[in-house]
């Protein structure tokens, strides 16, 4: 996530990270 917006892997190369941005690394895991 960048600033609470999920960024899909296909869009990673188009994202610019700015000094004030908030970054969160998330990983979805299936299970049951």
Protein backbone atom coordinates (compact mmCIF):
# COMPACT_ATOMS: atom_id res chain seq x y z
CA UNK A 1 0.00 0.00 0.00
CA UNK A 2 1.05 3.55 -0.65
CA UNK A 3 -0.94 6.11 1.34
CA UNK A 4 -3.65 3.51 2.06
CA UNK A 5 -4.07 2.67 -1.65
CA UNK A 6 -3.31 -0.91 -2.71
CA UNK A 7 -0.82 -0.95 -5.59
CA UNK A 8 -0.97 -4.04 -7.80
CA UNK A 9 2.33 -5.68 -8.72
CA UNK A 10 1.84 -4.80 -12.41
CA UNK A 11 1.80 -1.09 -11.42
CA UNK A 12 4.91 -1.11 -9.18
CA UNK A 13 7.21 0.30 -11.87
CA UNK A 14 4.91 3.32 -12.35
CA UNK A 15 4.75 4.34 -8.67
CA UNK A 16 6.83 7.22 -7.36
CA UNK A 17 7.56 7.22 -3.65
CA UNK A 18 7.74 10.66 -2.08
CA UNK A 19 9.31 11.62 1.24
CA UNK A 20 5.98 12.03 3.06
CA UNK A 21 4.36 8.85 1.65
CA UNK A 22 3.29 6.06 3.99
CA UNK A 23 4.27 2.59 2.78
CA UNK A 24 2.90 -0.71 4.06
CA UNK A 25 3.99 -4.10 2.74
CA UNK A 26 1.09 -6.57 2.71
CA UNK A 27 0.89 -10.19 1.63
CA UNK A 28 -2.44 -11.96 1.22
CA UNK A 29 -2.49 -15.59 2.33
CA UNK A 30 -5.31 -18.00 1.63
CA UNK A 31 -6.37 -20.63 4.10
CA UNK A 32 -9.25 -22.04 5.94
